[in-house]
C-alpha cells in the first residue's frame, strides 16, 4: 500500500505550458506526494520538479516504450501505488499516447483522477477571437503534403472552428495548403503561449500565408485556429 498522502490510482496532471506560475496548488500537492511520476522526458519533468523544489521518482513513458511498460505500471497501480502522469507541457492525453494508459487502468478497475490546468488548446481558443461554441481539434497536421491536403479537404465542410498544432518549419507550407483548400477564412496563429514572446496573429488564411512566406521561420509551439465553414445561404 502506498505510504504517500495521495489516494492510490492514476493522477492525470496538467503542467505549465511555459509560465511556471500557471501550475495549480493541487498539481503541486499531487507531484509532491506521488510514488512515481510518468513523463515524456525525464529531463524536462526533472527541471520542473527542481523549480518546484521537489524530487520524485521519474519514469519516461512515451510512444516508443508505452506498450512494454504499461503492464508493469498497471501492476503497481493494482498494488495501491499513487502514480502521476504528466506531459512535457500542458494537459496529458491531448495529442499524446497517455490515453492508452488511462484506458487500461480503467479496464483494470483502477481509479483515474483528473488534475486539470494549463492547455495550449484552451488557451489558444480563449484569445483567438473565433467562435468556441463548436470546435474540432485535430492535433498536428500531417507532415506530408498529400496527407495534409487530404485531411484539410475532409474538414472543409465542418461547421466548427478547426484547431491544429503545427511545427515552425512546416507553418508556411501548411498555411498555403489551408488557404488553397479552405479559402479566405479568418484564422489565428497563437505562438509561445504564456511565455515571454507570446504572439497572436489574426487575419485571413491568405493574408497569414503571405505574412509568413517571406519571413524567417517562427520559433516555439504554434496553435493554428481556422474559422468554421459557413452554411450555404
C-alpha atoms as a PDB file:
ATOM      1  CA  UNK A   1       0.000   0.000   0.000  1.00  0.00           C
ATOM      2  CA  UNK A   2       1.241   3.495  -0.727  1.00  0.00           C
ATOM      3  CA  UNK A   3       2.798   5.431   2.133  1.00  0.00           C
ATOM      4  CA  UNK A   4       2.112   8.775   0.486  1.00  0.00           C
ATOM      5  CA  UNK A   5      -0.593  11.321   1.281  1.00  0.00           C
ATOM      6  CA  UNK A   6      -2.112  10.759  -2.140  1.00  0.00           C
ATOM      7  CA  UNK A   7      -5.026   8.479  -2.977  1.00  0.00           C
ATOM      8  CA  UNK A   8      -3.958   5.312  -4.792  1.00  0.00           C
ATOM      9  CA  UNK A   9      -4.572   5.451  -8.516  1.00  0.00           C
ATOM     10  CA  UNK A  10      -3.537   7.269 -11.662  1.00  0.00           C
ATOM     11  CA  UNK A  11      -3.487  11.068 -11.405  1.00  0.00           C
ATOM     12  CA  UNK A  12      -3.563  12.700 -14.865  1.00  0.00           C
ATOM     13  CA  UNK A  13      -1.938  16.035 -14.078  1.00  0.00           C
ATOM     14  CA  UNK A  14      -1.546  19.199 -16.144  1.00  0.00           C
ATOM     15  CA  UNK A  15       1.759  21.072 -16.053  1.00  0.00           C
ATOM     16  CA  UNK A  16       2.600  24.622 -17.213  1.00  0.00           C
ATOM     17  CA  UNK A  17       2.911  25.285 -20.948  1.00  0.00           C
ATOM     18  CA  UNK A  18       5.549  27.948 -20.397  1.00  0.00           C
ATOM     19  CA  UNK A  19       4.822  30.045 -17.326  1.00  0.00           C
ATOM     20  CA  UNK A  20       5.634  28.301 -14.049  1.00  0.00           C
ATOM     21  CA  UNK A  21       3.083  30.479 -12.283  1.00  0.00           C
ATOM     22  CA  UNK A  22       0.295  28.588 -14.037  1.00  0.00           C
ATOM     23  CA  UNK A  23       0.790  25.389 -12.048  1.00  0.00           C
ATOM     24  CA  UNK A  24      -2.073  24.783  -9.645  1.00  0.00           C
ATOM     25  CA  UNK A  25      -1.834  24.155  -5.934  1.00  0.00           C
ATOM     26  CA  UNK A  26      -3.417  20.754  -6.421  1.00  0.00           C
ATOM     27  CA  UNK A  27      -0.855  19.806  -9.077  1.00  0.00           C
ATOM     28  CA  UNK A  28       1.932  20.770  -6.651  1.00  0.00           C
ATOM     29  CA  UNK A  29       0.418  18.539  -3.981  1.00  0.00           C
ATOM     30  CA  UNK A  30      -0.026  15.608  -6.347  1.00  0.00           C
ATOM     31  CA  UNK A  31       3.527  15.866  -7.678  1.00  0.00           C
ATOM     32  CA  UNK A  32       4.994  16.224  -4.189  1.00  0.00           C
ATOM     33  CA  UNK A  33       3.343  13.069  -2.862  1.00  0.00           C
ATOM     34  CA  UNK A  34       3.319  10.691  -5.831  1.00  0.00           C
ATOM     35  CA  UNK A  35       5.027   7.323  -5.554  1.00  0.00           C
ATOM     36  CA  UNK A  36       6.041   7.659  -9.209  1.00  0.00           C
ATOM     37  CA  UNK A  37       5.800  10.322 -11.917  1.00  0.00           C
ATOM     38  CA  UNK A  38       5.381   9.154 -15.515  1.00  0.00           C
ATOM     39  CA  UNK A  39       6.586  11.710 -18.053  1.00  0.00           C
ATOM     40  CA  UNK A  40       7.525  12.054 -21.710  1.00  0.00           C
ATOM     41  CA  UNK A  41      11.071  13.232 -20.987  1.00  0.00           C
ATOM     42  CA  UNK A  42      12.636  12.838 -17.543  1.00  0.00           C
ATOM     43  CA  UNK A  43      14.919  15.815 -18.191  1.00  0.00           C
ATOM     44  CA  UNK A  44      12.010  18.165 -18.848  1.00  0.00           C
ATOM     45  CA  UNK A  45       9.945  16.999 -15.884  1.00  0.00           C
ATOM     46  CA  UNK A  46      13.058  16.822 -13.721  1.00  0.00           C
ATOM     47  CA  UNK A  47      13.656  20.524 -14.373  1.00  0.00           C
ATOM     48  CA  UNK A  48      10.044  21.299 -13.483  1.00  0.00           C
ATOM     49  CA  UNK A  49      10.311  19.433 -10.190  1.00  0.00           C
ATOM     50  CA  UNK A  50      13.621  21.164  -9.442  1.00  0.00           C
ATOM     51  CA  UNK A  51      11.996  24.568  -9.959  1.00  0.00           C
ATOM     52  CA  UNK A  52       9.210  23.493  -7.618  1.00  0.00           C
ATOM     53  CA  UNK A  53      11.719  22.332  -5.012  1.00  0.00           C
ATOM     54  CA  UNK A  54      10.708  18.678  -5.318  1.00  0.00           C
ATOM     55  CA  UNK A  55      12.385  15.391  -6.081  1.00  0.00           C
ATOM     56  CA  UNK A  56      10.297  12.356  -7.007  1.00  0.00           C
ATOM     57  CA  UNK A  57      10.990   9.088  -8.855  1.00  0.00           C
ATOM     58  CA  UNK A  58      10.566   9.608 -12.602  1.00  0.00           C
ATOM     59  CA  UNK A  59       9.921   7.111 -15.386  1.00  0.00           C
ATOM     60  CA  UNK A  60       9.893   8.004 -19.081  1.00  0.00           C
ATOM     61  CA  UNK A  61       6.627   6.892 -20.688  1.00  0.00           C
ATOM     62  CA  UNK A  62       6.026   7.678 -24.357  1.00  0.00           C
ATOM     63  CA  UNK A  63       5.053   6.286 -27.763  1.00  0.00           C
ATOM     64  CA  UNK A  64       8.178   4.170 -28.132  1.00  0.00           C
ATOM     65  CA  UNK A  65       8.043   2.295 -24.815  1.00  0.00           C
ATOM     66  CA  UNK A  66       4.401   2.507 -23.746  1.00  0.00           C
ATOM     67  CA  UNK A  67       3.382  -0.973 -24.905  1.00  0.00           C
ATOM     68  CA  UNK A  68       6.217  -2.572 -22.954  1.00  0.00           C
ATOM     69  CA  UNK A  69       5.781  -0.503 -19.792  1.00  0.00           C
ATOM     70  CA  UNK A  70       2.017  -0.483 -19.357  1.00  0.00           C
ATOM     71  CA  UNK A  71       1.620  -3.966 -17.811  1.00  0.00           C
ATOM     72  CA  UNK A  72       4.157  -3.155 -15.099  1.00  0.00           C
ATOM     73  CA  UNK A  73       2.584   0.230 -14.418  1.00  0.00           C
ATOM     74  CA  UNK A  74      -0.870  -1.345 -14.142  1.00  0.00           C
ATOM     75  CA  UNK A  75       0.510  -3.917 -11.698  1.00  0.00           C
ATOM     76  CA  UNK A  76       1.970  -1.170  -9.497  1.00  0.00           C
ATOM     77  CA  UNK A  77      -1.376   0.602  -9.555  1.00  0.00           C
ATOM     78  CA  UNK A  78      -3.098  -2.652  -8.579  1.00  0.00           C
ATOM     79  CA  UNK A  79      -0.797  -2.853  -5.555  1.00  0.00           C
ATOM     80  CA  UNK A  80      -2.001   0.549  -4.372  1.00  0.00           C
ATOM     81  CA  UNK A  81       0.603   2.957  -5.702  1.00  0.00           C
ATOM     82  CA  UNK A  82      -0.208   6.565  -6.491  1.00  0.00           C
ATOM     83  CA  UNK A  83       1.174   7.368  -9.932  1.00  0.00           C
ATOM     84  CA  UNK A  84       1.117  10.740 -11.669  1.00  0.00           C
ATOM     85  CA  UNK A  85       1.018  11.081 -15.461  1.00  0.00           C
ATOM     86  CA  UNK A  86       2.307  14.351 -16.935  1.00  0.00           C
ATOM     87  CA  UNK A  87       3.313  15.529 -20.391  1.00  0.00           C
ATOM     88  CA  UNK A  88       6.242  17.801 -21.189  1.00  0.00           C
ATOM     89  CA  UNK A  89       3.836  20.743 -21.161  1.00  0.00           C
ATOM     90  CA  UNK A  90       0.109  21.145 -20.704  1.00  0.00           C
ATOM     91  CA  UNK A  91      -2.571  18.538 -20.171  1.00  0.00           C
ATOM     92  CA  UNK A  92      -1.716  14.852 -20.734  1.00  0.00           C
ATOM     93  CA  UNK A  93      -3.692  12.687 -23.162  1.00  0.00           C
ATOM     94  CA  UNK A  94      -4.311  15.636 -25.506  1.00  0.00           C
ATOM     95  CA  UNK A  95      -2.440  14.679 -28.696  1.00  0.00           C
ATOM     96  CA  UNK A  96      -0.206  12.242 -26.802  1.00  0.00           C
ATOM     97  CA  UNK A  97      -0.285   8.473 -26.078  1.00  0.00           C
ATOM     98  CA  UNK A  98      -1.358   8.759 -22.439  1.00  0.00           C
ATOM     99  CA  UNK A  99      -4.934   7.761 -23.265  1.00  0.00           C
ATOM    100  CA  UNK A 100      -3.863   4.133 -23.654  1.00  0.00           C
ATOM    101  CA  UNK A 101      -2.681   4.004 -20.046  1.00  0.00           C
ATOM    102  CA  UNK A 102      -5.901   5.644 -18.860  1.00  0.00           C
ATOM    103  CA  UNK A 103      -7.921   3.111 -20.863  1.00  0.00           C
ATOM    104  CA  UNK A 104      -6.037   0.134 -19.434  1.00  0.00           C
ATOM    105  CA  UNK A 105      -6.192   1.490 -15.884  1.00  0.00           C
ATOM    106  CA  UNK A 106      -9.951   1.896 -16.075  1.00  0.00           C
ATOM    107  CA  UNK A 107     -10.319  -1.584 -17.564  1.00  0.00           C
ATOM    108  CA  UNK A 108      -8.389  -2.929 -14.564  1.00  0.00           C
ATOM    109  CA  UNK A 109     -10.732  -1.206 -12.126  1.00  0.00           C
ATOM    110  CA  UNK A 110      -8.148   1.374 -11.053  1.00  0.00           C
ATOM    111  CA  UNK A 111      -9.189   4.886 -10.044  1.00  0.00           C
ATOM    112  CA  UNK A 112      -8.184   7.608 -12.513  1.00  0.00           C
ATOM    113  CA  UNK A 113      -8.213  11.214 -11.310  1.00  0.00           C
ATOM    114  CA  UNK A 114      -8.203  14.427 -13.354  1.00  0.00           C
ATOM    115  CA  UNK A 115      -5.891  17.184 -12.095  1.00  0.00           C
ATOM    116  CA  UNK A 116      -6.690  19.922 -14.639  1.00  0.00           C
ATOM    117  CA  UNK A 117      -4.703  23.001 -15.519  1.00  0.00           C
ATOM    118  CA  UNK A 118      -2.862  24.604 -18.421  1.00  0.00           C
ATOM    119  CA  UNK A 119      -3.613  23.553 -22.000  1.00  0.00           C
ATOM    120  CA  UNK A 120      -2.412  25.198 -25.198  1.00  0.00           C
ATOM    121  CA  UNK A 121      -5.693  24.146 -26.831  1.00  0.00           C
ATOM    122  CA  UNK A 122      -7.997  26.011 -24.454  1.00  0.00           C
ATOM    123  CA  UNK A 123      -5.558  28.895 -24.022  1.00  0.00           C
ATOM    124  CA  UNK A 124      -5.472  29.485 -27.778  1.00  0.00           C
ATOM    125  CA  UNK A 125      -9.243  29.205 -28.117  1.00  0.00           C
ATOM    126  CA  UNK A 126      -9.726  31.789 -25.379  1.00  0.00           C
ATOM    127  CA  UNK A 127      -7.701  34.512 -27.128  1.00  0.00           C
ATOM    128  CA  UNK A 128      -8.064  33.739 -30.848  1.00  0.00           C
ATOM    129  CA  UNK A 129     -11.266  35.688 -31.326  1.00  0.00           C
ATOM    130  CA  UNK A 130     -13.014  32.837 -33.143  1.00  0.00           C
ATOM    131  CA  UNK A 131     -16.241  31.094 -32.168  1.00  0.00           C
ATOM    132  CA  UNK A 132     -15.758  28.476 -29.459  1.00  0.00           C
ATOM    133  CA  UNK A 133     -19.270  27.051 -29.117  1.00  0.00           C
ATOM    134  CA  UNK A 134     -18.173  24.295 -31.502  1.00  0.00           C
ATOM    135  CA  UNK A 135     -14.593  23.384 -32.311  1.00  0.00           C
ATOM    136  CA  UNK A 136     -12.709  20.406 -33.715  1.00  0.00           C
ATOM    137  CA  UNK A 137      -9.181  19.667 -32.514  1.00  0.00           C
ATOM    138  CA  UNK A 138      -7.141  17.528 -34.917  1.00  0.00           C
ATOM    139  CA  UNK A 139      -3.709  17.554 -33.287  1.00  0.00           C
ATOM    140  CA  UNK A 140      -0.679  18.047 -35.529  1.00  0.00           C
ATOM    141  CA  UNK A 141      -1.275  18.497 -39.234  1.00  0.00           C
ATOM    142  CA  UNK A 142       0.340  15.668 -41.235  1.00  0.00           C
ATOM    143  CA  UNK A 143       3.941  16.349 -42.237  1.00  0.00           C
ATOM    144  CA  UNK A 144       3.452  15.004 -45.765  1.00  0.00           C
ATOM    145  CA  UNK A 145       1.620  17.371 -48.077  1.00  0.00           C
ATOM    146  CA  UNK A 146      -0.568  14.711 -49.663  1.00  0.00           C
ATOM    147  CA  UNK A 147      -1.916  13.537 -46.305  1.00  0.00           C
ATOM    148  CA  UNK A 148      -2.215  17.098 -45.043  1.00  0.00           C
ATOM    149  CA  UNK A 149      -4.253  18.228 -48.036  1.00  0.00           C
ATOM    150  CA  UNK A 150      -6.474  15.151 -47.785  1.00  0.00           C
ATOM    151  CA  UNK A 151      -7.204  15.921 -44.137  1.00  0.00           C
ATOM    152  CA  UNK A 152      -7.978  19.561 -44.867  1.00  0.00           C
ATOM    153  CA  UNK A 153     -10.290  18.557 -47.705  1.00  0.00           C
ATOM    154  CA  UNK A 154     -12.154  16.184 -45.390  1.00  0.00           C
ATOM    155  CA  UNK A 155     -12.646  19.001 -42.877  1.00  0.00           C
ATOM    156  CA  UNK A 156     -13.581  21.691 -45.392  1.00  0.00           C
ATOM    157  CA  UNK A 157     -17.316  21.481 -44.684  1.00  0.00           C
ATOM    158  CA  UNK A 158     -17.126  21.131 -40.896  1.00  0.00           C
ATOM    159  CA  UNK A 159     -19.184  23.859 -39.222  1.00  0.00           C
ATOM    160  CA  UNK A 160     -16.856  24.256 -36.262  1.00  0.00           C
ATOM    161  CA  UNK A 161     -13.670  26.164 -35.550  1.00  0.00           C
ATOM    162  CA  UNK A 162     -10.723  23.997 -36.627  1.00  0.00           C
ATOM    163  CA  UNK A 163      -7.747  23.761 -34.294  1.00  0.00           C
ATOM    164  CA  UNK A 164      -4.363  22.277 -35.189  1.00  0.00           C
ATOM    165  CA  UNK A 165      -0.872  22.109 -33.774  1.00  0.00           C
ATOM    166  CA  UNK A 166       1.957  22.860 -36.187  1.00  0.00           C
ATOM    167  CA  UNK A 167       5.737  22.996 -36.199  1.00  0.00           C
ATOM    168  CA  UNK A 168       7.523  26.238 -37.151  1.00  0.00           C
ATOM    169  CA  UNK A 169       9.319  24.506 -40.035  1.00  0.00           C
ATOM    170  CA  UNK A 170       6.054  23.452 -41.714  1.00  0.00           C
ATOM    171  CA  UNK A 171       3.932  26.508 -40.950  1.00  0.00           C
ATOM    172  CA  UNK A 172       4.349  28.243 -44.319  1.00  0.00           C
ATOM    173  CA  UNK A 173       3.544  25.106 -46.321  1.00  0.00           C
ATOM    174  CA  UNK A 174       0.549  24.323 -44.139  1.00  0.00           C
ATOM    175  CA  UNK A 175      -0.828  27.855 -44.361  1.00  0.00           C
ATOM    176  CA  UNK A 176      -0.552  27.674 -48.144  1.00  0.00           C
ATOM    177  CA  UNK A 177      -2.497  24.426 -48.249  1.00  0.00           C
ATOM    178  CA  UNK A 178      -5.101  25.776 -45.815  1.00  0.00           C
ATOM    179  CA  UNK A 179      -5.612  28.926 -47.871  1.00  0.00           C
ATOM    180  CA  UNK A 180      -5.955  26.974 -51.109  1.00  0.00           C
ATOM    181  CA  UNK A 181      -8.356  24.347 -49.782  1.00  0.00           C
ATOM    182  CA  UNK A 182     -10.354  26.246 -47.156  1.00  0.00           C
ATOM    183  CA  UNK A 183     -10.429  29.633 -48.865  1.00  0.00           C
ATOM    184  CA  UNK A 184     -10.140  33.113 -47.336  1.00  0.00           C
ATOM    185  CA  UNK A 185     -11.433  32.192 -43.893  1.00  0.00           C
ATOM    186  CA  UNK A 186     -10.448  34.115 -40.805  1.00  0.00           C
ATOM    187  CA  UNK A 187      -7.716  32.408 -38.809  1.00  0.00           C
ATOM    188  CA  UNK A 188      -5.390  32.951 -35.887  1.00  0.00           C
ATOM    189  CA  UNK A 189      -1.876  31.793 -35.131  1.00  0.00           C
ATOM    190  CA  UNK A 190      -1.057  31.576 -31.431  1.00  0.00           C
ATOM    191  CA  UNK A 191       2.619  31.140 -30.643  1.00  0.00           C
ATOM    192  CA  UNK A 192       4.661  30.743 -27.445  1.00  0.00           C
ATOM    193  CA  UNK A 193       1.554  30.974 -25.268  1.00  0.00           C
ATOM    194  CA  UNK A 194       2.193  32.166 -21.678  1.00  0.00           C
ATOM    195  CA  UNK A 195       5.873  32.757 -22.493  1.00  0.00           C
ATOM    196  CA  UNK A 196       7.866  35.973 -22.823  1.00  0.00           C
ATOM    197  CA  UNK A 197       7.399  36.209 -26.598  1.00  0.00           C
ATOM    198  CA  UNK A 198       3.725  35.222 -26.743  1.00  0.00           C
ATOM    199  CA  UNK A 199       2.194  36.285 -30.040  1.00  0.00           C
ATOM    200  CA  UNK A 200      -1.229  36.089 -31.658  1.00  0.00           C
ATOM    201  CA  UNK A 201      -1.762  36.991 -35.317  1.00  0.00           C
ATOM    202  CA  UNK A 202      -5.282  37.194 -36.706  1.00  0.00           C
ATOM    203  CA  UNK A 203      -6.115  37.629 -40.400  1.00  0.00           C
ATOM    204  CA  UNK A 204      -7.455  35.644 -43.327  1.00  0.00           C
ATOM    205  CA  UNK A 205      -5.633  32.438 -44.219  1.00  0.00           C
ATOM    206  CA  UNK A 206      -4.439  34.071 -47.423  1.00  0.00           C
ATOM    207  CA  UNK A 207      -3.035  37.062 -45.540  1.00  0.00           C
ATOM    208  CA  UNK A 208      -1.341  34.909 -42.919  1.00  0.00           C
ATOM    209  CA  UNK A 209       0.225  32.728 -45.606  1.00  0.00           C
ATOM    210  CA  UNK A 210       1.660  35.859 -47.212  1.00  0.00           C
ATOM    211  CA  UNK A 211       2.936  37.274 -43.921  1.00  0.00           C
ATOM    212  CA  UNK A 212       4.924  34.170 -43.044  1.00  0.00           C
ATOM    213  CA  UNK A 213       6.044  33.264 -46.584  1.00  0.00           C
ATOM    214  CA  UNK A 214       8.774  35.885 -46.749  1.00  0.00           C
ATOM    215  CA  UNK A 215       9.836  35.820 -43.112  1.00  0.00           C
ATOM    216  CA  UNK A 216      12.208  33.614 -41.114  1.00  0.00           C
ATOM    217  CA  UNK A 217      10.545  30.558 -39.610  1.00  0.00           C
ATOM    218  CA  UNK A 218       8.957  31.482 -36.280  1.00  0.00           C
ATOM    219  CA  UNK A 219      10.113  29.825 -33.097  1.00  0.00           C
ATOM    220  CA  UNK A 220       8.195  27.963 -30.471  1.00  0.00           C
ATOM    221  CA  UNK A 221       5.000  25.989 -30.200  1.00  0.00           C
ATOM    222  CA  UNK A 222       2.228  27.003 -32.602  1.00  0.00           C
ATOM    223  CA  UNK A 223      -1.538  26.585 -32.469  1.00  0.00           C
ATOM    224  CA  UNK A 224      -3.426  27.302 -35.706  1.00  0.00           C
ATOM    225  CA  UNK A 225      -7.136  28.101 -35.475  1.00  0.00           C
ATOM    226  CA  UNK A 226      -9.401  28.463 -38.516  1.00  0.00           C
ATOM    227  CA  UNK A 227     -12.909  29.825 -38.839  1.00  0.00           C
ATOM    228  CA  UNK A 228     -15.706  27.289 -39.266  1.00  0.00           C
ATOM    229  CA  UNK A 229     -17.221  26.541 -42.654  1.00  0.00           C
ATOM    230  CA  UNK A 230     -20.179  28.802 -43.276  1.00  0.00           C
ATOM    231  CA  UNK A 231     -23.622  27.422 -44.003  1.00  0.00           C
ATOM    232  CA  UNK A 232     -24.872  27.948 -47.519  1.00  0.00           C
ATOM    233  CA  UNK A 233     -27.257  30.869 -47.595  1.00  0.00           C
END
